[in-house]
């Protein structure tokens, strides 16, 4: 990567911030939550052009283009890659204040040595220069991972996944970064979703368990979880709409589950209780295996039903969900904690109005922390807001650090974006240039805390 003077985004506002940044800018990256494809990592096919690299699966960019009025033909449609790139360049050139504009500048500078601002007038020049670099260096997923100094990647994987590509990557042993699965349980807890009973049958086949009641469901989940752990899995995740407001006992949860897989009617209270029961069960299972639990809150999925029918999920039509009473989160955490079943837990929210109650709730439990600004909040102001709230109501060292949460192999520059923001924030709080403690905090927030989380520690605490 280029030296700072060549970097196209400068968020450092003081000499203290620059001093801190010099200490952290070249630290390795621990990406403990992303949506990269292990298949693409294993196959390591060189990219065809920057259009494919940037636009093939990045719903951040798709959404920006839609907001600017670009026709869907140039987003997920059948236009060629140059046409799509050109339309994106037109949008990016005038996306003042949007973090994607900064991210693009960083990506062009870091990976291609291009310092020309991206816009309609420069689109062809940048297209040609970037494609020349891609072609001459045969840029591929692994080369981008190596050049980004990534040492750990936790992908997002369904419990039914075979993890065959994780196996192939590990057996091959050629990639310096460790690539491991994460246990994503959305399809297990979304028991009212279309095709739920079919999914449970699939889970039964994957685990070799005949799932017919709550006991066999738990057996199947534990078998799959143990399989994931045997492949290096350290993290779990869930990112569904809403949150359970009550916890059923096992008898009620069993009755509800049997009705769900039999396609029988289940009232809201019963469904909610089953959901809460599963959260408590999963938490204890994670705790017993030393896994980290991640909850992504306040999201509304697939808001545009017409486009969902046409394109499917994860196409850029999700949005920020309503804030809800944090007492429900506290109740699940408290029950798990009271039964010695609370794992390390990171809580993210798309709705910033939940920061205050969540930070104070996290402070009441040893192994629970707020995650860094997520998705629609991972811009400069959003990260400052998270950092400010953490420092005022808790301790800044509780922050685990940056995660990529991306499907793009170029997105590792977001760690540089985050590191500059962290250093600028800490720099504004430093009292003198010789504050060695600020340097250590900056290192922890940019690398150390995530590294410790991956490796575990003596007391199994954050």
Protein backbone atom coordinates (compact mmCIF):
# COMPACT_ATOMS: atom_id res chain seq x y z
CA UNK A 1 0.00 0.00 0.00
CA UNK A 2 1.05 3.56 -0.61
CA UNK A 3 2.53 5.87 1.97
CA UNK A 4 0.12 8.26 3.65
CA UNK A 5 1.14 11.22 1.50
CA UNK A 6 -0.19 9.28 -1.49
CA UNK A 7 -3.46 8.35 0.11
CA UNK A 8 -6.42 10.19 -1.24
CA UNK A 9 -8.40 10.51 1.99
CA UNK A 10 -7.03 12.44 4.96
CA UNK A 11 -9.18 12.48 8.08
CA UNK A 12 -6.37 13.39 10.47
CA UNK A 13 -6.91 16.82 11.96
CA UNK A 14 -4.03 17.22 14.41
CA UNK A 15 -0.36 16.38 14.85
CA UNK A 16 -1.38 13.98 17.63
CA UNK A 17 -3.72 12.15 15.26
CA UNK A 18 -0.95 11.82 12.66
CA UNK A 19 1.43 10.45 15.29
CA UNK A 20 -1.08 7.81 16.31
CA UNK A 21 -1.86 6.91 12.71
CA UNK A 22 1.83 6.35 11.97
CA UNK A 23 1.77 3.67 14.69
CA UNK A 24 -1.29 1.78 13.40
CA UNK A 25 -1.55 2.27 9.63
CA UNK A 26 0.46 -0.84 8.74
CA UNK A 27 -0.91 -3.23 11.37
CA UNK A 28 -2.40 -6.48 10.04
CA UNK A 29 -6.16 -6.81 9.57
CA UNK A 30 -8.35 -9.22 11.53
CA UNK A 31 -11.65 -9.38 9.67
CA UNK A 32 -13.91 -11.21 12.11
CA UNK A 33 -17.13 -10.60 10.14
CA UNK A 34 -17.47 -10.40 6.38
CA UNK A 35 -19.48 -11.86 3.49
CA UNK A 36 -16.61 -12.85 1.21
CA UNK A 37 -17.05 -16.07 -0.73
CA UNK A 38 -14.72 -18.91 0.34
CA UNK A 39 -15.31 -20.42 -3.10
CA UNK A 40 -13.94 -17.28 -4.77
CA UNK A 41 -11.00 -17.23 -2.36
CA UNK A 42 -10.15 -20.85 -3.17
CA UNK A 43 -10.59 -20.60 -6.94
CA UNK A 44 -8.66 -17.31 -6.98
CA UNK A 45 -9.69 -16.38 -10.51
CA UNK A 46 -8.15 -13.12 -11.81
CA UNK A 47 -10.74 -10.39 -12.20
CA UNK A 48 -11.90 -9.53 -15.68
CA UNK A 49 -12.05 -5.76 -15.13
CA UNK A 50 -12.70 -3.13 -12.47
CA UNK A 51 -16.41 -3.22 -13.24
CA UNK A 52 -16.59 -6.84 -12.10
CA UNK A 53 -14.32 -6.06 -9.15
CA UNK A 54 -16.39 -3.13 -7.94
CA UNK A 55 -19.94 -3.77 -9.00
CA UNK A 56 -20.59 -7.51 -9.31
CA UNK A 57 -21.83 -7.97 -5.75
CA UNK A 58 -21.50 -4.70 -3.84
CA UNK A 59 -25.00 -3.65 -2.80
CA UNK A 60 -23.59 -0.51 -1.15
CA UNK A 61 -22.72 0.80 -4.60
CA UNK A 62 -25.97 -0.52 -6.12
CA UNK A 63 -28.00 1.37 -3.56
CA UNK A 64 -26.07 4.60 -4.17
CA UNK A 65 -26.76 4.30 -7.90
CA UNK A 66 -30.48 3.73 -7.32
CA UNK A 67 -30.63 6.75 -5.00
CA UNK A 68 -29.14 8.82 -7.83
CA UNK A 69 -31.77 7.58 -10.29
CA UNK A 70 -29.68 5.16 -12.34
CA UNK A 71 -31.74 2.62 -14.27
CA UNK A 72 -31.62 -0.94 -12.90
CA UNK A 73 -30.20 -2.07 -16.25
CA UNK A 74 -26.88 -0.54 -15.20
CA UNK A 75 -27.01 -1.96 -11.68
CA UNK A 76 -28.13 -5.59 -11.71
CA UNK A 77 -29.28 -5.67 -15.34
CA UNK A 78 -27.73 -6.81 -18.59
CA UNK A 79 -25.65 -3.74 -19.47
CA UNK A 80 -21.97 -4.48 -20.11
CA UNK A 81 -19.37 -3.78 -17.44
CA UNK A 82 -18.07 -0.58 -19.02
CA UNK A 83 -21.58 0.86 -19.13
CA UNK A 84 -22.15 -0.07 -15.49
CA UNK A 85 -18.80 1.38 -14.45
CA UNK A 86 -19.48 4.60 -16.33
CA UNK A 87 -22.86 5.04 -14.65
CA UNK A 88 -21.28 4.40 -11.25
CA UNK A 89 -18.49 6.90 -11.98
CA UNK A 90 -21.08 9.58 -12.80
CA UNK A 91 -22.80 8.93 -9.46
CA UNK A 92 -19.61 8.68 -7.38
CA UNK A 93 -18.32 11.99 -8.74
CA UNK A 94 -21.19 13.89 -7.14
CA UNK A 95 -21.75 11.74 -4.03
CA UNK A 96 -20.44 14.47 -1.71
CA UNK A 97 -20.44 13.41 1.93
CA UNK A 98 -21.19 9.75 1.20
CA UNK A 99 -18.46 7.40 2.52
CA UNK A 100 -18.49 5.43 -0.74
CA UNK A 101 -16.83 8.42 -2.40
CA UNK A 102 -13.98 8.22 0.11
CA UNK A 103 -13.82 4.43 -0.07
CA UNK A 104 -13.48 4.56 -3.84
CA UNK A 105 -10.65 7.08 -3.58
CA UNK A 106 -8.86 4.82 -1.10
CA UNK A 107 -9.37 1.72 -3.24
CA UNK A 108 -8.12 3.41 -6.39
CA UNK A 109 -5.08 4.77 -4.58
CA UNK A 110 -4.19 1.62 -2.61
CA UNK A 111 -4.66 -1.04 -5.25
CA UNK A 112 -4.10 0.78 -8.53
CA UNK A 113 -1.95 3.82 -7.71
CA UNK A 114 -4.67 6.05 -9.20
CA UNK A 115 -5.03 9.43 -7.54
CA UNK A 116 -7.35 10.98 -10.10
CA UNK A 117 -10.81 11.70 -8.64
CA UNK A 118 -13.49 9.41 -10.05
CA UNK A 119 -16.24 11.16 -11.99
CA UNK A 120 -17.96 11.19 -15.36
CA UNK A 121 -15.07 12.96 -17.09
CA UNK A 122 -12.37 10.66 -15.71
CA UNK A 123 -14.28 7.38 -15.99
CA UNK A 124 -12.63 6.15 -19.20
CA UNK A 125 -9.12 7.12 -18.05
CA UNK A 126 -9.59 5.30 -14.73
CA UNK A 127 -11.24 2.32 -16.42
CA UNK A 128 -8.24 1.91 -18.73
CA UNK A 129 -5.59 2.45 -16.03
CA UNK A 130 -7.25 0.11 -13.53
CA UNK A 131 -7.82 -2.60 -16.10
CA UNK A 132 -4.19 -2.38 -17.17
CA UNK A 133 -3.12 -3.01 -13.55
CA UNK A 134 -5.62 -5.88 -13.22
CA UNK A 135 -4.35 -7.48 -16.41
CA UNK A 136 -0.62 -6.98 -15.88
CA UNK A 137 -0.69 -8.15 -12.25
CA UNK A 138 -3.45 -10.73 -12.76
CA UNK A 139 -5.21 -9.32 -9.71
CA UNK A 140 -7.25 -11.97 -7.93
CA UNK A 141 -8.94 -12.40 -4.54
CA UNK A 142 -5.84 -13.82 -2.85
CA UNK A 143 -3.55 -11.11 -4.21
CA UNK A 144 -5.90 -8.44 -2.84
CA UNK A 145 -6.03 -10.20 0.53
CA UNK A 146 -2.23 -10.39 0.70
CA UNK A 147 -1.67 -6.81 -0.38
CA UNK A 148 -4.17 -5.68 2.27
CA UNK A 149 -2.13 -7.42 5.00
CA UNK A 150 -5.09 -9.52 6.14
CA UNK A 151 -4.27 -12.30 8.60
CA UNK A 152 -7.72 -13.59 9.56
CA UNK A 153 -11.03 -13.84 7.68
CA UNK A 154 -14.28 -15.10 9.21
CA UNK A 155 -16.80 -15.68 6.44
CA UNK A 156 -20.57 -15.95 6.97
CA UNK A 157 -21.92 -19.48 6.58
CA UNK A 158 -25.22 -21.25 7.05
CA UNK A 159 -25.23 -24.22 9.50
CA UNK A 160 -26.07 -26.54 6.58
CA UNK A 161 -23.02 -25.50 4.55
CA UNK A 162 -20.52 -28.26 3.77
CA UNK A 163 -17.56 -25.89 4.28
CA UNK A 164 -15.82 -27.69 1.44
CA UNK A 165 -13.99 -24.58 0.27
CA UNK A 166 -12.74 -23.84 3.76
CA UNK A 167 -11.33 -27.37 3.77
CA UNK A 168 -9.70 -26.89 0.38
CA UNK A 169 -8.13 -23.57 1.40
CA UNK A 170 -6.77 -25.07 4.62
CA UNK A 171 -5.42 -28.23 2.96
CA UNK A 172 -3.75 -26.24 0.21
CA UNK A 173 -2.01 -24.04 2.81
CA UNK A 174 -0.90 -21.38 0.34
CA UNK A 175 -2.80 -18.40 1.74
CA UNK A 176 -1.14 -16.49 4.55
CA UNK A 177 -4.50 -15.35 5.94
CA UNK A 178 -6.49 -17.84 7.97
CA UNK A 179 -9.97 -18.34 6.47
CA UNK A 180 -12.58 -19.82 8.83
CA UNK A 181 -16.39 -20.10 8.85
CA UNK A 182 -18.89 -18.32 11.08
CA UNK A 183 -22.11 -19.92 12.32
CA UNK A 184 -24.99 -17.78 10.94
CA UNK A 185 -28.32 -18.91 12.42
CA UNK A 186 -30.86 -16.66 10.64
CA UNK A 187 -32.50 -19.61 8.87
CA UNK A 188 -32.86 -21.50 12.16
CA UNK A 189 -34.62 -18.74 14.09
CA UNK A 190 -36.76 -17.35 11.23
CA UNK A 191 -39.33 -20.06 11.88
CA UNK A 192 -42.16 -18.26 10.12
CA UNK A 193 -40.25 -17.83 6.90
CA UNK A 194 -41.46 -19.51 3.74
CA UNK A 195 -39.84 -22.92 3.37
CA UNK A 196 -38.92 -23.27 7.07
CA UNK A 197 -39.89 -26.94 7.34
CA UNK A 198 -37.89 -27.65 4.18
CA UNK A 199 -34.89 -25.90 5.72
CA UNK A 200 -35.24 -28.01 8.89
CA UNK A 201 -35.23 -31.14 6.70
CA UNK A 202 -32.04 -29.88 5.07
CA UNK A 203 -30.52 -29.28 8.51
CA UNK A 204 -31.51 -32.81 9.49
CA UNK A 205 -29.73 -34.28 6.47
CA UNK A 206 -26.60 -32.20 7.10
CA UNK A 207 -26.46 -33.29 10.75
CA UNK A 208 -27.76 -36.84 10.18
CA UNK A 209 -30.48 -36.24 12.77
CA UNK A 210 -34.18 -36.91 12.31
CA UNK A 211 -35.54 -33.55 13.47
CA UNK A 212 -39.04 -33.99 14.84
CA UNK A 213 -39.08 -32.02 18.09
CA UNK A 214 -37.13 -29.41 20.05
CA UNK A 215 -34.73 -32.00 21.47
CA UNK A 216 -33.71 -33.32 18.05
CA UNK A 217 -33.49 -29.76 16.70
CA UNK A 218 -30.98 -28.89 19.42
CA UNK A 219 -29.06 -32.11 18.75
CA UNK A 220 -28.79 -31.23 15.07
CA UNK A 221 -27.65 -27.67 15.79
CA UNK A 222 -24.99 -28.85 18.23
CA UNK A 223 -23.68 -31.39 15.72
CA UNK A 224 -23.35 -28.73 13.04
CA UNK A 225 -21.85 -26.27 15.51
CA UNK A 226 -19.22 -28.80 16.55
CA UNK A 227 -18.45 -29.46 12.90
CA UNK A 228 -17.94 -25.72 12.33
CA UNK A 229 -15.73 -25.46 15.43
CA UNK A 230 -13.62 -28.34 14.09
CA UNK A 231 -12.99 -26.13 11.03
CA UNK A 232 -11.79 -23.23 13.16
CA UNK A 233 -15.11 -21.44 13.70
CA UNK A 234 -14.89 -18.88 16.51
CA UNK A 235 -17.84 -16.59 15.73
CA UNK A 236 -21.59 -16.93 15.46
CA UNK A 237 -23.97 -14.36 14.05
CA UNK A 238 -27.64 -13.49 13.63
CA UNK A 239 -29.09 -10.51 11.78
CA UNK A 240 -32.85 -10.85 11.55
CA UNK A 241 -35.66 -8.33 12.01
CA UNK A 242 -36.96 -7.74 15.53
CA UNK A 243 -35.96 -9.38 18.80
CA UNK A 244 -37.68 -11.89 21.10
CA UNK A 245 -39.69 -10.30 23.91
CA UNK A 246 -40.11 -13.42 26.03
CA UNK A 247 -38.57 -16.85 26.65
CA UNK A 248 -40.71 -19.97 26.56
CA UNK A 249 -39.94 -23.04 28.68
CA UNK A 250 -38.89 -26.22 26.89
CA UNK A 251 -42.37 -27.74 26.85
CA UNK A 252 -43.91 -24.68 25.18
CA UNK A 253 -40.98 -24.33 22.76
CA UNK A 254 -41.35 -27.99 21.79
CA UNK A 255 -45.07 -27.61 21.13
CA UNK A 256 -44.50 -24.47 19.05
CA UNK A 257 -41.70 -26.01 17.02
CA UNK A 258 -43.79 -29.07 16.18
CA UNK A 259 -46.58 -26.79 14.92
CA UNK A 260 -44.15 -24.74 12.86
CA UNK A 261 -42.69 -27.70 10.97
CA UNK A 262 -46.21 -29.11 10.49
CA UNK A 263 -47.32 -25.81 8.88
CA UNK A 264 -49.86 -25.21 11.66
CA UNK A 265 -50.91 -21.78 12.90
CA UNK A 266 -48.76 -20.33 15.68
CA UNK A 267 -49.76 -17.17 17.55
CA UNK A 268 -47.35 -14.28 18.09
CA UNK A 269 -46.72 -14.99 21.76
CA UNK A 270 -45.84 -18.64 21.11
CA UNK A 271 -43.54 -17.77 18.23
CA UNK A 272 -41.85 -15.09 20.33
CA UNK A 273 -41.33 -17.55 23.17
CA UNK A 274 -39.79 -20.14 20.84
CA UNK A 275 -37.48 -17.51 19.43
CA UNK A 276 -36.36 -16.45 22.92
CA UNK A 277 -35.85 -20.07 23.95
CA UNK A 278 -33.58 -20.62 20.95
CA UNK A 279 -31.51 -17.54 21.79
CA UNK A 280 -30.89 -18.86 25.30
CA UNK A 281 -30.03 -22.34 24.00
CA UNK A 282 -27.67 -20.97 21.34
CA UNK A 283 -25.94 -18.67 23.82
CA UNK A 284 -25.14 -21.58 26.15
CA UNK A 285 -23.91 -23.71 23.23
CA UNK A 286 -21.59 -20.87 22.15
CA UNK A 287 -20.38 -20.37 25.70
CA UNK A 288 -19.52 -24.06 26.07
CA UNK A 289 -17.41 -23.91 22.90
CA UNK A 290 -15.65 -20.61 23.55
CA UNK A 291 -17.42 -18.95 20.62
CA UNK A 292 -18.26 -15.26 20.23
CA UNK A 293 -21.91 -14.35 19.74
CA UNK A 294 -22.79 -11.44 17.41
CA UNK A 295 -26.25 -9.83 17.23
CA UNK A 296 -27.14 -7.38 14.47
CA UNK A 297 -30.18 -5.37 15.56
CA UNK A 298 -32.68 -2.87 14.13
CA UNK A 299 -32.66 -3.88 10.48
CA UNK A 300 -35.58 -4.17 8.09
CA UNK A 301 -34.95 -6.75 5.37
CA UNK A 302 -36.11 -6.76 1.74
CA UNK A 303 -38.26 -3.63 2.01
CA UNK A 304 -39.10 -3.54 -1.70
CA UNK A 305 -41.25 -6.65 -2.18
CA UNK A 306 -41.44 -6.23 -5.97
CA UNK A 307 -37.64 -6.16 -6.30
CA UNK A 308 -37.30 -8.98 -3.77
CA UNK A 309 -39.46 -11.17 -5.99
CA UNK A 310 -37.42 -10.19 -9.02
CA UNK A 311 -33.85 -10.25 -7.65
CA UNK A 312 -33.92 -12.00 -4.27
CA UNK A 313 -32.27 -11.03 -1.00
CA UNK A 314 -29.10 -9.00 -0.33
CA UNK A 315 -29.58 -6.80 -3.37
CA UNK A 316 -29.57 -3.42 -1.61
CA UNK A 317 -33.18 -3.10 -0.48
CA UNK A 318 -32.76 -3.41 3.29
CA UNK A 319 -33.07 -0.37 5.53
CA UNK A 320 -32.72 0.85 9.11
CA UNK A 321 -35.28 -0.71 11.42
CA UNK A 322 -37.19 0.94 14.23
CA UNK A 323 -35.56 1.21 17.62
CA UNK A 324 -37.06 -1.11 20.23
CA UNK A 325 -36.95 -1.35 24.01
CA UNK A 326 -33.49 -2.53 25.06
CA UNK A 327 -35.05 -4.24 28.08
CA UNK A 328 -35.76 -7.21 25.79
CA UNK A 329 -32.08 -7.51 24.91
CA UNK A 330 -31.23 -7.14 28.59
CA UNK A 331 -33.67 -9.90 29.52
CA UNK A 332 -32.07 -12.44 27.16
CA UNK A 333 -28.58 -11.43 28.28
CA UNK A 334 -29.56 -11.61 31.95
CA UNK A 335 -31.21 -15.03 31.70
CA UNK A 336 -28.20 -16.42 29.85
CA UNK A 337 -25.83 -14.86 32.36
CA UNK A 338 -27.81 -16.16 35.35
CA UNK A 339 -27.55 -19.70 33.98
CA UNK A 340 -23.82 -19.48 33.25
CA UNK A 341 -24.66 -19.48 29.58
CA UNK A 342 -23.51 -16.05 28.41
CA UNK A 343 -20.73 -16.13 25.80
CA UNK A 344 -18.72 -13.15 24.68
CA UNK A 345 -21.30 -11.04 22.87
CA UNK A 346 -20.96 -8.17 20.40
CA UNK A 347 -24.12 -6.15 19.72
CA UNK A 348 -24.50 -3.94 16.64
CA UNK A 349 -27.43 -1.70 15.84
CA UNK A 350 -28.43 0.05 12.63
CA UNK A 351 -30.48 2.54 14.63
CA UNK A 352 -28.19 5.03 16.42
CA UNK A 353 -30.94 6.03 18.88
CA UNK A 354 -30.23 2.71 20.60
CA UNK A 355 -26.58 3.52 21.35
CA UNK A 356 -27.13 5.06 24.79
CA UNK A 357 -29.29 2.30 26.28
CA UNK A 358 -27.17 -0.43 24.65
CA UNK A 359 -23.84 0.94 25.89
CA UNK A 360 -25.16 1.25 29.43
CA UNK A 361 -26.68 -2.23 29.27
CA UNK A 362 -23.40 -3.68 28.01
CA UNK A 363 -21.68 -2.07 30.98
CA UNK A 364 -23.79 -4.18 33.32
CA UNK A 365 -22.42 -7.48 31.95
CA UNK A 366 -18.76 -8.42 31.77
CA UNK A 367 -18.73 -10.19 28.42
CA UNK A 368 -21.03 -7.91 26.40
CA UNK A 369 -19.89 -4.96 24.26
CA UNK A 370 -21.25 -2.63 21.60
CA UNK A 371 -19.91 -3.27 18.11
CA UNK A 372 -18.53 -0.59 15.82
CA UNK A 373 -20.90 1.40 13.61
CA UNK A 374 -22.58 -1.01 11.23
CA UNK A 375 -23.71 -0.74 7.60
CA UNK A 376 -25.66 2.53 7.20
CA UNK A 377 -23.75 3.93 10.19
CA UNK A 378 -20.16 3.16 9.13
CA UNK A 379 -19.47 6.65 7.79
CA UNK A 380 -17.27 9.24 9.51
CA UNK A 381 -20.01 10.87 11.61
CA UNK A 382 -21.47 7.47 12.54
CA UNK A 383 -18.13 6.20 13.81
CA UNK A 384 -17.47 9.38 15.75
CA UNK A 385 -20.89 9.02 17.34
CA UNK A 386 -20.14 5.45 18.40
CA UNK A 387 -16.72 6.37 19.77
CA UNK A 388 -18.10 9.39 21.61
CA UNK A 389 -20.89 7.37 23.21
CA UNK A 390 -18.50 4.63 24.29
CA UNK A 391 -16.07 7.08 25.88
CA UNK A 392 -18.77 9.04 27.70
CA UNK A 393 -20.74 6.07 29.05
CA UNK A 394 -18.18 3.28 29.19
CA UNK A 395 -14.55 2.68 28.30
CA UNK A 396 -13.16 3.06 24.81
CA UNK A 397 -11.01 -0.04 25.18
CA UNK A 398 -14.20 -2.15 25.10
CA UNK A 399 -14.48 -1.64 21.35
CA UNK A 400 -13.36 -4.77 19.53
CA UNK A 401 -12.45 -2.93 16.34
CA UNK A 402 -13.39 -2.67 12.69
CA UNK A 403 -15.09 -5.37 10.66
CA UNK A 404 -15.48 -5.26 6.89
CA UNK A 405 -19.04 -6.68 6.59
CA UNK A 406 -18.54 -6.70 2.82
CA UNK A 407 -18.67 -8.91 -0.25
CA UNK A 408 -15.91 -6.95 -2.00
CA UNK A 409 -12.24 -7.92 -1.86
CA UNK A 410 -11.32 -4.26 -2.25
CA UNK A 411 -13.16 -3.26 0.93
CA UNK A 412 -10.18 -3.74 3.22
CA UNK A 413 -9.37 -0.08 2.69
CA UNK A 414 -12.30 0.57 5.04
CA UNK A 415 -9.96 -0.48 7.83
CA UNK A 416 -7.71 2.46 6.89
CA UNK A 417 -10.75 4.74 6.88
CA UNK A 418 -11.63 3.47 10.37
CA UNK A 419 -8.05 3.73 11.62
CA UNK A 420 -7.81 7.36 10.56
CA UNK A 421 -11.08 8.13 12.36
CA UNK A 422 -9.94 6.35 15.53
CA UNK A 423 -6.63 8.22 15.51
CA UNK A 424 -8.30 11.56 14.85
CA UNK A 425 -10.73 10.93 17.70
CA UNK A 426 -8.06 9.84 20.16
CA UNK A 427 -5.78 12.64 19.01
CA UNK A 428 -8.41 15.18 19.99
CA UNK A 429 -8.35 13.77 23.54
CA UNK A 430 -4.57 13.57 23.98
CA UNK A 431 -2.98 16.02 26.39
CA UNK A 432 0.56 15.82 25.03
CA UNK A 433 2.55 14.17 22.26
CA UNK A 434 4.25 11.80 24.68
CA UNK A 435 1.03 10.04 25.70
CA UNK A 436 2.17 6.43 25.27
CA UNK A 437 -1.15 5.12 26.57
CA UNK A 438 -3.02 6.67 23.65
CA UNK A 439 -0.71 4.80 21.28
CA UNK A 440 -1.50 1.50 23.00
CA UNK A 441 -5.24 2.20 22.90
CA UNK A 442 -5.04 3.05 19.20
CA UNK A 443 -3.20 -0.20 18.51
CA UNK A 444 -5.79 -2.18 20.45
CA UNK A 445 -8.73 -0.56 18.70
CA UNK A 446 -7.17 -1.10 15.27
CA UNK A 447 -5.80 -4.60 15.75
CA UNK A 448 -5.02 -5.83 19.26
CA UNK A 449 -8.54 -6.31 20.60
CA UNK A 450 -9.68 -8.24 17.54
CA UNK A 451 -6.53 -10.35 17.68
CA UNK A 452 -7.17 -11.21 21.33
CA UNK A 453 -10.78 -12.06 20.53
CA UNK A 454 -9.71 -14.50 17.84
CA UNK A 455 -7.04 -16.12 19.97
CA UNK A 456 -9.00 -16.09 23.22
CA UNK A 457 -7.44 -15.20 26.54
CA UNK A 458 -6.82 -16.67 29.90
CA UNK A 459 -9.99 -15.45 31.57
CA UNK A 460 -12.27 -15.92 28.51
CA UNK A 461 -13.21 -12.26 28.79
CA UNK A 462 -13.07 -9.21 26.54
